[in-house]
Amino acid sequence: MTIVTGSSAESGRTGGLARLAADRAVWARILADVAVVTVTPFTDGLRAVDHAGLERNLERLIGGGVRLLVTGGNTGEFAALSDEEIAETVGTHVRLAHGRARVIAGVGYRLERAVELGRAAMEAGADGLMVHQPVHPYSSEAGLVDYYAALAAALPGVPLILYVRGPQLTENGVRRLAGIESIVGMKMGQPDPERFAGFVGAAPELAWVCGVAEAWAVPFWNAGAIGFTSGIANVAPERSLEVLAALKAGELAQAESLVDRLRPIEALRAGRGDANNVAVIKAAMDLVGLAGGGLRPPLSRLEPGDHAELVRILDALELPS
């Protein structure tokens, strides 16, 4: 590593991959992969998205074998982006992925805003939408089901992947959501394989994804996951794809061994009460010559001691130059 200091489901997308409808069989194949949640680099004192840097990052990912990109995820600082920035960032992903990878765009917030973000993302060429769990201190399971149902009705035929990050949903709620045809999958963003397994059993017709990255990929795989999301893959896509290959080959001990090599960076991301999560990935990208850069408040850069530890971890990983 060089450290830098200083089916009927498809209706055409011209010249590239076909646009997908909400066909669950098709999406089960797409989501059986490493979904890389990309970072959003900034420029002009954090006032604008660095699209040139983003293009460089995406070329590295696609060149490294990545087939599934998620823009507007938490690693991409979704909550700190304007609606215009979200749509433009989707457009950059689609342009760079053209014919080589699929693009899922994150949407969320107030229902009407989520609908508008979804329309803009699909117009920009996204293949499907990842729906952030609505943030509200008093949300209920019934309310969540109503939210997702209304979103699906407002965006007919648009493939939706729901992002579970709270305690509200039960197996009964998941069964109800599986009755909404355009919901093609769910990803669990909480480290609870037992709950996840119950969800898989309640709605096996959906594509189930581990949303807590490589560290939990093996237990979630055993619980019925078909793929996992990754932030580390922004820096080392080959390492993440090796984990997936071992899982698909049934070589769980090998997968666990590969994950063990990545645990130090995941542990560092968990530092400061998870405040290091995005900061570690962005700093690592800077160190390997990609575009990471600063973080918009309320996120912040790594502290000096954590940065020094990150350099040590990256050296030990022996990443490709």
C-alpha atoms as a PDB file:
ATOM      1  CA  MET A   1       0.000   0.000   0.000  1.00  0.00           C
ATOM      2  CA  THR A   2       1.235   3.510  -0.809  1.00  0.00           C
ATOM      3  CA  ILE A   3       0.546   6.019   1.957  1.00  0.00           C
ATOM      4  CA  VAL A   4       0.016   9.546   0.653  1.00  0.00           C
ATOM      5  CA  THR A   5       1.123  12.210   3.095  1.00  0.00           C
ATOM      6  CA  GLY A   6       0.254  15.900   2.688  1.00  0.00           C
ATOM      7  CA  SER A   7     -36.432 -10.513 -17.418  1.00  0.00           C
ATOM      8  CA  SER A   8     -39.723  -8.550 -17.931  1.00  0.00           C
ATOM      9  CA  ALA A   9     -38.119  -6.839 -15.052  1.00  0.00           C
ATOM     10  CA  GLU A  10     -35.812  -4.974 -17.380  1.00  0.00           C
ATOM     11  CA  SER A  11     -36.755  -2.036 -19.574  1.00  0.00           C
ATOM     12  CA  GLY A  12     -33.861  -0.268 -21.240  1.00  0.00           C
ATOM     13  CA  ARG A  13     -31.203   2.071 -20.048  1.00  0.00           C
ATOM     14  CA  THR A  14     -29.584   3.095 -23.308  1.00  0.00           C
ATOM     15  CA  GLY A  15     -25.976   2.049 -23.725  1.00  0.00           C
ATOM     16  CA  GLY A  16     -25.603   0.511 -20.281  1.00  0.00           C
ATOM     17  CA  LEU A  17     -27.307  -1.781 -17.840  1.00  0.00           C
ATOM     18  CA  ALA A  18     -31.063  -2.032 -18.236  1.00  0.00           C
ATOM     19  CA  ARG A  19     -33.318  -0.185 -15.822  1.00  0.00           C
ATOM     20  CA  LEU A  20     -34.861  -2.586 -13.340  1.00  0.00           C
ATOM     21  CA  ALA A  21     -38.417  -2.917 -12.168  1.00  0.00           C
ATOM     22  CA  ALA A  22     -39.277  -4.224  -8.718  1.00  0.00           C
ATOM     23  CA  ASP A  23     -38.733  -7.866  -9.641  1.00  0.00           C
ATOM     24  CA  ARG A  24     -37.729  -9.709  -6.484  1.00  0.00           C
ATOM     25  CA  ALA A  25     -35.912 -12.532  -8.239  1.00  0.00           C
ATOM     26  CA  VAL A  26     -33.756 -10.049 -10.134  1.00  0.00           C
ATOM     27  CA  TRP A  27     -33.033  -8.026  -7.028  1.00  0.00           C
ATOM     28  CA  ALA A  28     -32.144 -11.133  -5.041  1.00  0.00           C
ATOM     29  CA  ARG A  29     -29.321 -11.650  -7.536  1.00  0.00           C
ATOM     30  CA  ILE A  30     -28.211  -8.022  -7.402  1.00  0.00           C
ATOM     31  CA  LEU A  31     -28.227  -7.772  -3.613  1.00  0.00           C
ATOM     32  CA  ALA A  32     -26.293 -11.030  -3.196  1.00  0.00           C
ATOM     33  CA  ASP A  33     -23.144  -8.940  -3.250  1.00  0.00           C
ATOM     34  CA  VAL A  34     -21.024  -6.388  -1.420  1.00  0.00           C
ATOM     35  CA  ALA A  35     -22.987  -3.131  -1.424  1.00  0.00           C
ATOM     36  CA  VAL A  36     -20.390  -0.379  -1.056  1.00  0.00           C
ATOM     37  CA  VAL A  37     -21.791   2.645   0.745  1.00  0.00           C
ATOM     38  CA  THR A  38     -19.730   5.404  -0.822  1.00  0.00           C
ATOM     39  CA  VAL A  39     -18.376   8.492   0.896  1.00  0.00           C
ATOM     40  CA  THR A  40     -19.169  12.008  -0.279  1.00  0.00           C
ATOM     41  CA  PRO A  41     -16.003  14.098  -0.642  1.00  0.00           C
ATOM     42  CA  PHE A  42     -16.340  17.864  -0.277  1.00  0.00           C
ATOM     43  CA  THR A  43     -14.545  20.881  -1.646  1.00  0.00           C
ATOM     44  CA  ASP A  44     -14.640  24.666  -1.238  1.00  0.00           C
ATOM     45  CA  GLY A  45     -14.393  24.526   2.541  1.00  0.00           C
ATOM     46  CA  LEU A  46     -17.036  21.772   2.766  1.00  0.00           C
ATOM     47  CA  ARG A  47     -19.525  23.986   0.908  1.00  0.00           C
ATOM     48  CA  ALA A  48     -19.778  21.805  -2.212  1.00  0.00           C
ATOM     49  CA  VAL A  49     -19.496  18.163  -3.281  1.00  0.00           C
ATOM     50  CA  ASP A  50     -16.165  17.295  -4.895  1.00  0.00           C
ATOM     51  CA  HIS A  51     -17.488  15.484  -7.963  1.00  0.00           C
ATOM     52  CA  ALA A  52     -14.030  15.120  -9.529  1.00  0.00           C
ATOM     53  CA  GLY A  53     -12.809  13.386  -6.393  1.00  0.00           C
ATOM     54  CA  LEU A  54     -15.956  11.270  -6.281  1.00  0.00           C
ATOM     55  CA  GLU A  55     -15.335  10.158  -9.858  1.00  0.00           C
ATOM     56  CA  ARG A  56     -11.811   9.081  -8.919  1.00  0.00           C
ATOM     57  CA  ASN A  57     -13.150   7.109  -5.966  1.00  0.00           C
ATOM     58  CA  LEU A  58     -15.793   5.399  -8.090  1.00  0.00           C
ATOM     59  CA  GLU A  59     -13.286   4.411 -10.754  1.00  0.00           C
ATOM     60  CA  ARG A  60     -11.204   2.754  -8.042  1.00  0.00           C
ATOM     61  CA  LEU A  61     -14.211   0.839  -6.757  1.00  0.00           C
ATOM     62  CA  ILE A  62     -15.489  -0.335 -10.120  1.00  0.00           C
ATOM     63  CA  GLY A  63     -11.971  -1.136 -11.268  1.00  0.00           C
ATOM     64  CA  GLY A  64     -11.555  -3.189  -8.090  1.00  0.00           C
ATOM     65  CA  GLY A  65     -14.525  -5.354  -8.998  1.00  0.00           C
ATOM     66  CA  VAL A  66     -17.382  -3.638  -7.161  1.00  0.00           C
ATOM     67  CA  ARG A  67     -20.772  -4.226  -8.805  1.00  0.00           C
ATOM     68  CA  LEU A  68     -23.134  -2.519  -6.374  1.00  0.00           C
ATOM     69  CA  LEU A  69     -22.882   1.094  -5.200  1.00  0.00           C
ATOM     70  CA  VAL A  70     -25.012   2.830  -2.570  1.00  0.00           C
ATOM     71  CA  THR A  71     -25.014   6.620  -2.661  1.00  0.00           C
ATOM     72  CA  GLY A  72     -26.671   8.684   0.033  1.00  0.00           C
ATOM     73  CA  GLY A  73     -26.023   6.227   2.827  1.00  0.00           C
ATOM     74  CA  ASN A  74     -24.877   7.179   6.308  1.00  0.00           C
ATOM     75  CA  THR A  75     -21.236   6.705   5.257  1.00  0.00           C
ATOM     76  CA  GLY A  76     -22.014   9.218   2.515  1.00  0.00           C
ATOM     77  CA  GLU A  77     -23.225  11.797   5.082  1.00  0.00           C
ATOM     78  CA  PHE A  78     -26.764  11.716   3.684  1.00  0.00           C
ATOM     79  CA  ALA A  79     -28.132  13.856   6.522  1.00  0.00           C
ATOM     80  CA  ALA A  80     -25.643  16.638   5.711  1.00  0.00           C
ATOM     81  CA  LEU A  81     -26.489  16.886   1.988  1.00  0.00           C
ATOM     82  CA  SER A  82     -28.958  19.236   0.350  1.00  0.00           C
ATOM     83  CA  ASP A  83     -31.636  17.758  -1.910  1.00  0.00           C
ATOM     84  CA  GLU A  84     -29.801  19.148  -4.939  1.00  0.00           C
ATOM     85  CA  GLU A  85     -26.511  17.611  -3.792  1.00  0.00           C
ATOM     86  CA  ILE A  86     -28.196  14.246  -3.257  1.00  0.00           C
ATOM     87  CA  ALA A  87     -29.569  14.218  -6.806  1.00  0.00           C
ATOM     88  CA  GLU A  88     -26.303  15.411  -8.345  1.00  0.00           C
ATOM     89  CA  THR A  89     -24.335  12.789  -6.452  1.00  0.00           C
ATOM     90  CA  VAL A  90     -26.673  10.090  -7.764  1.00  0.00           C
ATOM     91  CA  GLY A  91     -26.020  11.407 -11.257  1.00  0.00           C
ATOM     92  CA  THR A  92     -22.260  11.147 -10.812  1.00  0.00           C
ATOM     93  CA  HIS A  93     -22.583   7.550  -9.613  1.00  0.00           C
ATOM     94  CA  VAL A  94     -24.793   6.615 -12.551  1.00  0.00           C
ATOM     95  CA  ARG A  95     -22.456   8.242 -15.071  1.00  0.00           C
ATOM     96  CA  LEU A  96     -19.376   6.459 -13.712  1.00  0.00           C
ATOM     97  CA  ALA A  97     -21.159   3.134 -13.165  1.00  0.00           C
ATOM     98  CA  HIS A  98     -22.565   3.215 -16.701  1.00  0.00           C
ATOM     99  CA  GLY A  99     -22.879  -0.379 -17.856  1.00  0.00           C
ATOM    100  CA  ARG A 100     -20.546  -1.669 -15.131  1.00  0.00           C
ATOM    101  CA  ALA A 101     -22.349  -1.498 -11.777  1.00  0.00           C
ATOM    102  CA  ARG A 102     -25.760  -0.922 -10.233  1.00  0.00           C
ATOM    103  CA  VAL A 103     -26.591   2.208  -8.246  1.00  0.00           C
ATOM    104  CA  ILE A 104     -28.939   2.352  -5.255  1.00  0.00           C
ATOM    105  CA  ALA A 105     -29.812   5.813  -3.947  1.00  0.00           C
ATOM    106  CA  GLY A 106     -30.644   6.658  -0.353  1.00  0.00           C
ATOM    107  CA  VAL A 107     -33.850   8.563   0.411  1.00  0.00           C
ATOM    108  CA  GLY A 108     -35.572   9.510   3.629  1.00  0.00           C
ATOM    109  CA  TYR A 109     -36.919  12.198   5.944  1.00  0.00           C
ATOM    110  CA  ARG A 110     -40.506  13.488   5.831  1.00  0.00           C
ATOM    111  CA  LEU A 111     -42.677  11.342   3.548  1.00  0.00           C
ATOM    112  CA  GLU A 112     -43.239  14.007   0.911  1.00  0.00           C
ATOM    113  CA  ARG A 113     -39.533  14.818   0.841  1.00  0.00           C
ATOM    114  CA  ALA A 114     -38.617  11.147   0.528  1.00  0.00           C
ATOM    115  CA  VAL A 115     -40.958  10.903  -2.462  1.00  0.00           C
ATOM    116  CA  GLU A 116     -39.331  13.894  -4.163  1.00  0.00           C
ATOM    117  CA  LEU A 117     -35.833  12.596  -3.443  1.00  0.00           C
ATOM    118  CA  GLY A 118     -36.870   9.230  -4.860  1.00  0.00           C
ATOM    119  CA  ARG A 119     -38.247  10.750  -8.044  1.00  0.00           C
ATOM    120  CA  ALA A 120     -35.119  12.829  -8.532  1.00  0.00           C
ATOM    121  CA  ALA A 121     -32.870   9.810  -7.939  1.00  0.00           C
ATOM    122  CA  MET A 122     -34.738   7.654 -10.425  1.00  0.00           C
ATOM    123  CA  GLU A 123     -34.717  10.454 -12.992  1.00  0.00           C
ATOM    124  CA  ALA A 124     -30.954  10.675 -12.480  1.00  0.00           C
ATOM    125  CA  GLY A 125     -30.702   6.985 -13.403  1.00  0.00           C
ATOM    126  CA  ALA A 126     -30.658   5.103 -10.088  1.00  0.00           C
ATOM    127  CA  ASP A 127     -31.672   1.451 -10.260  1.00  0.00           C
ATOM    128  CA  GLY A 128     -33.501   1.438  -6.931  1.00  0.00           C
ATOM    129  CA  LEU A 129     -33.868   3.228  -3.629  1.00  0.00           C
ATOM    130  CA  MET A 130     -32.641   2.496  -0.117  1.00  0.00           C
ATOM    131  CA  VAL A 131     -35.133   3.965   2.353  1.00  0.00           C
ATOM    132  CA  HIS A 132     -33.573   5.318   5.536  1.00  0.00           C
ATOM    133  CA  GLN A 133     -35.678   4.577   8.588  1.00  0.00           C
ATOM    134  CA  PRO A 134     -37.594   7.778   9.441  1.00  0.00           C
ATOM    135  CA  VAL A 135     -36.127   9.571  12.455  1.00  0.00           C
ATOM    136  CA  HIS A 136     -38.802  10.326  15.025  1.00  0.00           C
ATOM    137  CA  PRO A 137     -38.729   9.741  18.800  1.00  0.00           C
ATOM    138  CA  TYR A 138     -42.266   8.362  18.839  1.00  0.00           C
ATOM    139  CA  SER A 139     -42.440   6.219  15.711  1.00  0.00           C
ATOM    140  CA  SER A 140     -44.448   2.993  15.879  1.00  0.00           C
ATOM    141  CA  GLU A 141     -44.554  -0.173  13.847  1.00  0.00           C
ATOM    142  CA  ALA A 142     -47.958   0.747  12.422  1.00  0.00           C
ATOM    143  CA  GLY A 143     -46.639   4.191  11.535  1.00  0.00           C
ATOM    144  CA  LEU A 144     -43.573   2.767   9.813  1.00  0.00           C
ATOM    145  CA  VAL A 145     -45.682   0.363   7.763  1.00  0.00           C
ATOM    146  CA  ASP A 146     -47.935   3.252   6.736  1.00  0.00           C
ATOM    147  CA  TYR A 147     -44.893   5.363   5.791  1.00  0.00           C
ATOM    148  CA  TYR A 148     -43.382   2.651   3.592  1.00  0.00           C
ATOM    149  CA  ALA A 149     -46.747   1.819   2.017  1.00  0.00           C
ATOM    150  CA  ALA A 150     -47.371   5.476   1.164  1.00  0.00           C
ATOM    151  CA  LEU A 151     -43.880   5.825  -0.293  1.00  0.00           C
ATOM    152  CA  ALA A 152     -44.402   2.739  -2.459  1.00  0.00           C
ATOM    153  CA  ALA A 153     -47.779   4.047  -3.650  1.00  0.00           C
ATOM    154  CA  ALA A 154     -46.262   7.415  -4.578  1.00  0.00           C
ATOM    155  CA  LEU A 155     -43.397   5.761  -6.490  1.00  0.00           C
ATOM    156  CA  PRO A 156     -45.164   2.917  -8.306  1.00  0.00           C
ATOM    157  CA  GLY A 157     -42.876   0.203  -9.608  1.00  0.00           C
ATOM    158  CA  VAL A 158     -39.743   1.700  -8.053  1.00  0.00           C
ATOM    159  CA  PRO A 159     -37.651  -0.981  -6.264  1.00  0.00           C
ATOM    160  CA  LEU A 160     -37.340  -0.237  -2.558  1.00  0.00           C
ATOM    161  CA  ILE A 161     -34.842  -1.654  -0.058  1.00  0.00           C
ATOM    162  CA  LEU A 162     -35.785  -0.769   3.522  1.00  0.00           C
ATOM    163  CA  TYR A 163     -33.072   0.081   6.042  1.00  0.00           C
ATOM    164  CA  VAL A 164     -33.980  -1.242   9.518  1.00  0.00           C
ATOM    165  CA  ARG A 165     -32.266   0.718  12.291  1.00  0.00           C
ATOM    166  CA  GLY A 166     -34.774   0.704  15.129  1.00  0.00           C
ATOM    167  CA  PRO A 167     -36.652  -1.668  17.420  1.00  0.00           C
ATOM    168  CA  GLN A 168     -40.156  -1.024  16.092  1.00  0.00           C
ATOM    169  CA  LEU A 169     -40.537  -3.698  13.407  1.00  0.00           C
ATOM    170  CA  THR A 170     -41.612  -7.191  14.425  1.00  0.00           C
ATOM    171  CA  GLU A 171     -41.949 -10.328  12.347  1.00  0.00           C
ATOM    172  CA  ASN A 172     -45.616  -9.516  11.844  1.00  0.00           C
ATOM    173  CA  GLY A 173     -44.735  -6.054  10.559  1.00  0.00           C
ATOM    174  CA  VAL A 174     -42.187  -7.538   8.187  1.00  0.00           C
ATOM    175  CA  ARG A 175     -44.841  -9.908   6.813  1.00  0.00           C
ATOM    176  CA  ARG A 176     -47.101  -6.927   6.158  1.00  0.00           C
ATOM    177  CA  LEU A 177     -44.308  -5.072   4.365  1.00  0.00           C
ATOM    178  CA  ALA A 178     -43.565  -8.127   2.229  1.00  0.00           C
ATOM    179  CA  GLY A 179     -47.089  -7.742   0.892  1.00  0.00           C
ATOM    180  CA  ILE A 180     -46.038  -4.473  -0.804  1.00  0.00           C
ATOM    181  CA  GLU A 181     -44.815  -5.612  -4.217  1.00  0.00           C
ATOM    182  CA  SER A 182     -42.211  -2.901  -4.812  1.00  0.00           C
ATOM    183  CA  ILE A 183     -40.353  -3.679  -1.571  1.00  0.00           C
ATOM    184  CA  VAL A 184     -37.671  -6.046  -2.851  1.00  0.00           C
ATOM    185  CA  GLY A 185     -35.361  -6.293   0.133  1.00  0.00           C
ATOM    186  CA  MET A 186     -34.354  -5.165   3.592  1.00  0.00           C
ATOM    187  CA  LYS A 187     -31.045  -4.501   5.244  1.00  0.00           C
ATOM    188  CA  MET A 188     -30.580  -4.745   8.980  1.00  0.00           C
ATOM    189  CA  GLY A 189     -28.419  -1.983  10.426  1.00  0.00           C
ATOM    190  CA  GLN A 190     -28.303  -3.381  13.943  1.00  0.00           C
ATOM    191  CA  PRO A 191     -25.975  -6.146  15.199  1.00  0.00           C
ATOM    192  CA  ASP A 192     -28.731  -8.619  16.058  1.00  0.00           C
ATOM    193  CA  PRO A 193     -28.470 -11.834  13.994  1.00  0.00           C
ATOM    194  CA  GLU A 194     -31.198 -13.537  16.023  1.00  0.00           C
ATOM    195  CA  ARG A 195     -33.761 -10.845  15.242  1.00  0.00           C
ATOM    196  CA  PHE A 196     -32.558 -10.824  11.656  1.00  0.00           C
ATOM    197  CA  ALA A 197     -33.104 -14.591  11.361  1.00  0.00           C
ATOM    198  CA  GLY A 198     -36.672 -14.130  12.593  1.00  0.00           C
ATOM    199  CA  PHE A 199     -37.275 -11.529   9.901  1.00  0.00           C
ATOM    200  CA  VAL A 200     -35.838 -13.790   7.206  1.00  0.00           C
ATOM    201  CA  GLY A 201     -38.134 -16.593   8.332  1.00  0.00           C
ATOM    202  CA  ALA A 202     -41.137 -14.256   8.334  1.00  0.00           C
ATOM    203  CA  ALA A 203     -40.556 -12.987   4.790  1.00  0.00           C
ATOM    204  CA  PRO A 204     -38.172 -15.262   2.868  1.00  0.00           C
ATOM    205  CA  GLU A 205     -39.432 -13.788  -0.411  1.00  0.00           C
ATOM    206  CA  LEU A 206     -37.442 -10.614   0.286  1.00  0.00           C
ATOM    207  CA  ALA A 207     -33.705 -10.183  -0.216  1.00  0.00           C
ATOM    208  CA  TRP A 208     -32.066  -9.877   3.212  1.00  0.00           C
ATOM    209  CA  VAL A 209     -28.814  -7.990   3.629  1.00  0.00           C
ATOM    210  CA  CYS A 210     -26.427  -7.551   6.547  1.00  0.00           C
ATOM    211  CA  GLY A 211     -26.215  -3.800   7.075  1.00  0.00           C
ATOM    212  CA  VAL A 212     -23.499  -3.807   9.726  1.00  0.00           C
ATOM    213  CA  ALA A 213     -20.581  -4.572   7.428  1.00  0.00           C
ATOM    214  CA  GLU A 214     -17.894  -7.236   7.411  1.00  0.00           C
ATOM    215  CA  ALA A 215     -17.579  -7.657  11.164  1.00  0.00           C
ATOM    216  CA  TRP A 216     -21.067  -9.212  11.256  1.00  0.00           C
ATOM    217  CA  ALA A 217     -21.104 -10.767   7.792  1.00  0.00           C
ATOM    218  CA  VAL A 218     -20.570 -14.355   8.947  1.00  0.00           C
ATOM    219  CA  PRO A 219     -23.239 -14.551  11.701  1.00  0.00           C
ATOM    220  CA  PHE A 220     -25.715 -12.730   9.461  1.00  0.00           C
ATOM    221  CA  TRP A 221     -24.888 -15.102   6.610  1.00  0.00           C
ATOM    222  CA  ASN A 222     -25.710 -17.998   8.914  1.00  0.00           C
ATOM    223  CA  ALA A 223     -28.993 -16.230   9.727  1.00  0.00           C
ATOM    224  CA  GLY A 224     -30.004 -15.941   6.064  1.00  0.00           C
ATOM    225  CA  ALA A 225     -28.253 -12.874   4.628  1.00  0.00           C
ATOM    226  CA  ILE A 226     -27.319 -13.016   0.955  1.00  0.00           C
ATOM    227  CA  GLY A 227     -24.911 -10.063   0.991  1.00  0.00           C
ATOM    228  CA  PHE A 228     -23.545  -7.278   3.159  1.00  0.00           C
ATOM    229  CA  THR A 229     -22.879  -3.553   3.069  1.00  0.00           C
ATOM    230  CA  SER A 230     -19.401  -2.140   3.467  1.00  0.00           C
ATOM    231  CA  GLY A 231     -17.644   1.111   4.223  1.00  0.00           C
ATOM    232  CA  ILE A 232     -14.161  -0.410   4.320  1.00  0.00           C
ATOM    233  CA  ALA A 233     -14.572  -1.356   0.667  1.00  0.00           C
ATOM    234  CA  ASN A 234     -14.151   2.334  -0.201  1.00  0.00           C
ATOM    235  CA  VAL A 235     -10.507   1.794   0.723  1.00  0.00           C
ATOM    236  CA  ALA A 236      -9.990  -1.930   0.067  1.00  0.00           C
ATOM    237  CA  PRO A 237     -12.709  -3.334  -2.225  1.00  0.00           C
ATOM    238  CA  GLU A 238     -10.704  -6.476  -2.920  1.00  0.00           C
ATOM    239  CA  ARG A 239     -10.669  -7.400   0.772  1.00  0.00           C
ATOM    240  CA  SER A 240     -14.455  -7.135   1.041  1.00  0.00           C
ATOM    241  CA  LEU A 241     -15.032  -9.102  -2.148  1.00  0.00           C
ATOM    242  CA  GLU A 242     -12.758 -11.850  -0.798  1.00  0.00           C
ATOM    243  CA  VAL A 243     -15.036 -12.166   2.232  1.00  0.00           C
ATOM    244  CA  LEU A 244     -18.095 -12.469  -0.006  1.00  0.00           C
ATOM    245  CA  ALA A 245     -16.426 -15.087  -2.204  1.00  0.00           C
ATOM    246  CA  ALA A 246     -15.565 -17.201   0.843  1.00  0.00           C
ATOM    247  CA  LEU A 247     -19.150 -16.963   2.133  1.00  0.00           C
ATOM    248  CA  LYS A 248     -20.614 -17.986  -1.214  1.00  0.00           C
ATOM    249  CA  ALA A 249     -18.185 -20.903  -1.405  1.00  0.00           C
ATOM    250  CA  GLY A 250     -19.333 -22.118   2.013  1.00  0.00           C
ATOM    251  CA  GLU A 251     -15.860 -21.520   3.438  1.00  0.00           C
ATOM    252  CA  LEU A 252     -17.035 -19.877   6.638  1.00  0.00           C
ATOM    253  CA  ALA A 253     -13.786 -20.386   8.542  1.00  0.00           C
ATOM    254  CA  GLN A 254     -11.898 -18.674   5.730  1.00  0.00           C
ATOM    255  CA  ALA A 255     -14.452 -15.858   5.680  1.00  0.00           C
ATOM    256  CA  GLU A 256     -14.040 -15.398   9.438  1.00  0.00           C
ATOM    257  CA  SER A 257     -10.261 -15.308   9.023  1.00  0.00           C
ATOM    258  CA  LEU A 258     -10.562 -12.629   6.348  1.00  0.00           C
ATOM    259  CA  VAL A 259     -12.938 -10.635   8.547  1.00  0.00           C
ATOM    260  CA  ASP A 260     -10.489 -10.865  11.451  1.00  0.00           C
ATOM    261  CA  ARG A 261      -7.959  -8.905   9.394  1.00  0.00           C
ATOM    262  CA  LEU A 262     -10.498  -6.099   9.053  1.00  0.00           C
ATOM    263  CA  ARG A 263     -11.632  -6.012  12.681  1.00  0.00           C
ATOM    264  CA  PRO A 264      -9.006  -3.462  13.840  1.00  0.00           C
ATOM    265  CA  ILE A 265     -10.303  -0.844  11.424  1.00  0.00           C
ATOM    266  CA  GLU A 266     -13.901  -1.595  12.424  1.00  0.00           C
ATOM    267  CA  ALA A 267     -12.925  -1.275  16.091  1.00  0.00           C
ATOM    268  CA  LEU A 268     -11.347   2.097  15.357  1.00  0.00           C
ATOM    269  CA  ARG A 269     -14.532   3.188  13.557  1.00  0.00           C
ATOM    270  CA  ALA A 270     -16.467   2.383  16.735  1.00  0.00           C
ATOM    271  CA  GLY A 271     -14.296   4.788  18.731  1.00  0.00           C
ATOM    272  CA  ARG A 272     -15.667   7.932  20.388  1.00  0.00           C
ATOM    273  CA  GLY A 273     -19.079   6.298  20.634  1.00  0.00           C
ATOM    274  CA  ASP A 274     -19.161   5.573  16.876  1.00  0.00           C
ATOM    275  CA  ALA A 275     -18.197   9.171  16.055  1.00  0.00           C
ATOM    276  CA  ASN A 276     -15.155   7.761  14.215  1.00  0.00           C
ATOM    277  CA  ASN A 277     -17.314   5.753  11.810  1.00  0.00           C
ATOM    278  CA  VAL A 278     -17.102   7.954   8.720  1.00  0.00           C
ATOM    279  CA  ALA A 279     -13.988   9.816   9.837  1.00  0.00           C
ATOM    280  CA  VAL A 280     -11.895   6.624   9.728  1.00  0.00           C
ATOM    281  CA  ILE A 281     -12.997   5.790   6.187  1.00  0.00           C
ATOM    282  CA  LYS A 282     -12.399   9.300   4.888  1.00  0.00           C
ATOM    283  CA  ALA A 283      -8.976   9.525   6.544  1.00  0.00           C
ATOM    284  CA  ALA A 284      -8.035   6.101   5.164  1.00  0.00           C
ATOM    285  CA  MET A 285      -9.044   7.200   1.679  1.00  0.00           C
ATOM    286  CA  ASP A 286      -6.822  10.259   1.964  1.00  0.00           C
ATOM    287  CA  LEU A 287      -3.933   8.056   3.073  1.00  0.00           C
ATOM    288  CA  VAL A 288      -4.208   5.768   0.053  1.00  0.00           C
ATOM    289  CA  GLY A 289      -4.525   8.618  -2.442  1.00  0.00           C
ATOM    290  CA  LEU A 290      -8.297   8.757  -2.871  1.00  0.00           C
ATOM    291  CA  ALA A 291     -10.678  11.638  -2.124  1.00  0.00           C
ATOM    292  CA  GLY A 292     -11.810  11.472   1.492  1.00  0.00           C
ATOM    293  CA  GLY A 293     -11.345  14.906   2.971  1.00  0.00           C
ATOM    294  CA  GLY A 294     -13.281  16.776   5.591  1.00  0.00           C
ATOM    295  CA  LEU A 295     -16.610  16.008   7.205  1.00  0.00           C
ATOM    296  CA  ARG A 296     -19.556  18.331   7.610  1.00  0.00           C
ATOM    297  CA  PRO A 297     -20.669  19.087  11.170  1.00  0.00           C
ATOM    298  CA  PRO A 298     -21.847  17.472  13.359  1.00  0.00           C
ATOM    299  CA  LEU A 299     -19.201  14.955  12.190  1.00  0.00           C
ATOM    300  CA  SER A 300     -15.510  15.703  12.748  1.00  0.00           C
ATOM    301  CA  ARG A 301     -12.070  14.470  11.761  1.00  0.00           C
ATOM    302  CA  LEU A 302     -10.065  11.851  13.634  1.00  0.00           C
ATOM    303  CA  GLU A 303      -8.090  12.833  16.681  1.00  0.00           C
ATOM    304  CA  PRO A 304      -4.279  12.597  16.220  1.00  0.00           C
ATOM    305  CA  GLY A 305      -3.878   9.396  18.213  1.00  0.00           C
ATOM    306  CA  ASP A 306      -6.596   7.647  16.234  1.00  0.00           C
ATOM    307  CA  HIS A 307      -5.062   8.851  12.977  1.00  0.00           C
ATOM    308  CA  ALA A 308      -1.700   7.353  13.939  1.00  0.00           C
ATOM    309  CA  GLU A 309      -3.424   4.075  14.792  1.00  0.00           C
ATOM    310  CA  LEU A 310      -5.166   4.121  11.405  1.00  0.00           C
ATOM    311  CA  VAL A 311      -1.825   4.437   9.617  1.00  0.00           C
ATOM    312  CA  ARG A 312      -0.554   1.401  11.519  1.00  0.00           C
ATOM    313  CA  ILE A 313      -3.678  -0.625  10.665  1.00  0.00           C
ATOM    314  CA  LEU A 314      -3.491   0.218   6.971  1.00  0.00           C
ATOM    315  CA  ASP A 315       0.178  -0.769   6.822  1.00  0.00           C
ATOM    316  CA  ALA A 316      -0.691  -4.133   8.410  1.00  0.00           C
ATOM    317  CA  LEU A 317      -3.453  -4.732   5.837  1.00  0.00           C
ATOM    318  CA  GLU A 318      -0.927  -4.522   2.983  1.00  0.00           C
ATOM    319  CA  LEU A 319      -3.413  -2.903   0.643  1.00  0.00           C
ATOM    320  CA  PRO A 320      -2.817  -2.843  -3.121  1.00  0.00           C
ATOM    321  CA  SER A 321      -0.982   0.284  -4.277  1.00  0.00           C
END
